[in-house]
């Protein structure tokens, strides 16, 4: 557990065959609203209509009938 706290990851094996991975959880870090605004202040504006049109071209909104 100390090694996980230090950021180390481990491969778990059974009879020499890897079956899983044990790794530390990501720690959630609070980011204040002012920091977020500062990060995105120079980001390009999003054209909502153009975004929706792009999404509609690639995402099918039809729900297939269940058999």
C-alpha atoms as a PDB file:
ATOM      1  CA  UNK A   1       0.000   0.000   0.000  1.00  0.00           C
ATOM      2  CA  UNK A   2       2.891   2.387   0.664  1.00  0.00           C
ATOM      3  CA  UNK A   3       4.177   1.804  -2.837  1.00  0.00           C
ATOM      4  CA  UNK A   4       0.736   2.666  -4.237  1.00  0.00           C
ATOM      5  CA  UNK A   5       0.743   5.843  -2.144  1.00  0.00           C
ATOM      6  CA  UNK A   6       4.087   6.659  -3.773  1.00  0.00           C
ATOM      7  CA  UNK A   7       2.570   6.249  -7.248  1.00  0.00           C
ATOM      8  CA  UNK A   8       3.868   2.782  -8.164  1.00  0.00           C
ATOM      9  CA  UNK A   9       1.754   0.366 -10.247  1.00  0.00           C
ATOM     10  CA  UNK A  10       1.802  -3.420 -10.244  1.00  0.00           C
ATOM     11  CA  UNK A  11       0.801  -6.203 -12.631  1.00  0.00           C
ATOM     12  CA  UNK A  12      -1.124  -8.955 -10.857  1.00  0.00           C
ATOM     13  CA  UNK A  13      -0.539 -12.460 -12.189  1.00  0.00           C
ATOM     14  CA  UNK A  14      -1.863 -15.963 -11.644  1.00  0.00           C
ATOM     15  CA  UNK A  15       0.600 -18.755 -12.311  1.00  0.00           C
ATOM     16  CA  UNK A  16       2.793 -16.278 -14.172  1.00  0.00           C
ATOM     17  CA  UNK A  17      -0.006 -15.020 -16.445  1.00  0.00           C
ATOM     18  CA  UNK A  18      -0.939 -11.346 -16.070  1.00  0.00           C
ATOM     19  CA  UNK A  19      -4.586 -11.021 -15.012  1.00  0.00           C
ATOM     20  CA  UNK A  20      -4.850  -7.455 -13.779  1.00  0.00           C
ATOM     21  CA  UNK A  21      -3.220  -4.224 -12.810  1.00  0.00           C
ATOM     22  CA  UNK A  22      -3.057  -2.538  -9.441  1.00  0.00           C
ATOM     23  CA  UNK A  23      -2.422   1.170  -9.678  1.00  0.00           C
ATOM     24  CA  UNK A  24      -3.014   4.250  -7.554  1.00  0.00           C
ATOM     25  CA  UNK A  25      -6.264   6.117  -7.955  1.00  0.00           C
ATOM     26  CA  UNK A  26      -6.054   9.560  -9.461  1.00  0.00           C
ATOM     27  CA  UNK A  27      -6.438  12.138  -6.801  1.00  0.00           C
ATOM     28  CA  UNK A  28      -9.085  14.704  -7.649  1.00  0.00           C
ATOM     29  CA  UNK A  29      -7.793  18.217  -7.432  1.00  0.00           C
ATOM     30  CA  UNK A  30     -10.071  21.204  -6.960  1.00  0.00           C
ATOM     31  CA  UNK A  31      -9.627  23.906  -9.553  1.00  0.00           C
ATOM     32  CA  UNK A  32     -11.210  27.246  -8.781  1.00  0.00           C
ATOM     33  CA  UNK A  33     -13.494  29.024 -11.231  1.00  0.00           C
ATOM     34  CA  UNK A  34     -11.033  31.883 -11.738  1.00  0.00           C
ATOM     35  CA  UNK A  35      -8.315  29.415 -12.779  1.00  0.00           C
ATOM     36  CA  UNK A  36     -10.656  27.749 -15.282  1.00  0.00           C
ATOM     37  CA  UNK A  37     -11.662  31.110 -16.755  1.00  0.00           C
ATOM     38  CA  UNK A  38      -7.987  32.054 -17.084  1.00  0.00           C
ATOM     39  CA  UNK A  39      -7.169  28.748 -18.837  1.00  0.00           C
ATOM     40  CA  UNK A  40      -9.912  29.220 -21.426  1.00  0.00           C
ATOM     41  CA  UNK A  41      -9.740  32.993 -21.926  1.00  0.00           C
ATOM     42  CA  UNK A  42      -7.861  32.646 -25.223  1.00  0.00           C
ATOM     43  CA  UNK A  43      -9.796  29.601 -26.452  1.00  0.00           C
ATOM     44  CA  UNK A  44     -11.729  30.048 -29.684  1.00  0.00           C
ATOM     45  CA  UNK A  45     -15.469  30.641 -29.432  1.00  0.00           C
ATOM     46  CA  UNK A  46     -17.714  27.667 -30.121  1.00  0.00           C
ATOM     47  CA  UNK A  47     -20.355  28.088 -32.814  1.00  0.00           C
ATOM     48  CA  UNK A  48     -23.164  26.000 -31.290  1.00  0.00           C
ATOM     49  CA  UNK A  49     -25.054  25.599 -34.562  1.00  0.00           C
ATOM     50  CA  UNK A  50     -21.952  24.418 -36.437  1.00  0.00           C
ATOM     51  CA  UNK A  51     -21.069  22.040 -33.591  1.00  0.00           C
ATOM     52  CA  UNK A  52     -24.565  20.569 -33.630  1.00  0.00           C
ATOM     53  CA  UNK A  53     -24.414  20.127 -37.407  1.00  0.00           C
ATOM     54  CA  UNK A  54     -21.050  18.361 -37.146  1.00  0.00           C
ATOM     55  CA  UNK A  55     -22.371  16.066 -34.411  1.00  0.00           C
ATOM     56  CA  UNK A  56     -25.501  15.254 -36.406  1.00  0.00           C
ATOM     57  CA  UNK A  57     -23.326  14.171 -39.338  1.00  0.00           C
ATOM     58  CA  UNK A  58     -21.455  11.577 -37.270  1.00  0.00           C
ATOM     59  CA  UNK A  59     -23.918  10.531 -34.550  1.00  0.00           C
ATOM     60  CA  UNK A  60     -27.052   8.615 -35.412  1.00  0.00           C
ATOM     61  CA  UNK A  61     -29.989   9.764 -33.288  1.00  0.00           C
ATOM     62  CA  UNK A  62     -32.304   6.969 -34.410  1.00  0.00           C
ATOM     63  CA  UNK A  63     -33.198   4.397 -31.780  1.00  0.00           C
ATOM     64  CA  UNK A  64     -33.514   0.918 -33.339  1.00  0.00           C
ATOM     65  CA  UNK A  65     -36.646  -1.111 -32.606  1.00  0.00           C
ATOM     66  CA  UNK A  66     -36.221  -3.906 -30.096  1.00  0.00           C
ATOM     67  CA  UNK A  67     -37.072  -7.322 -31.382  1.00  0.00           C
END
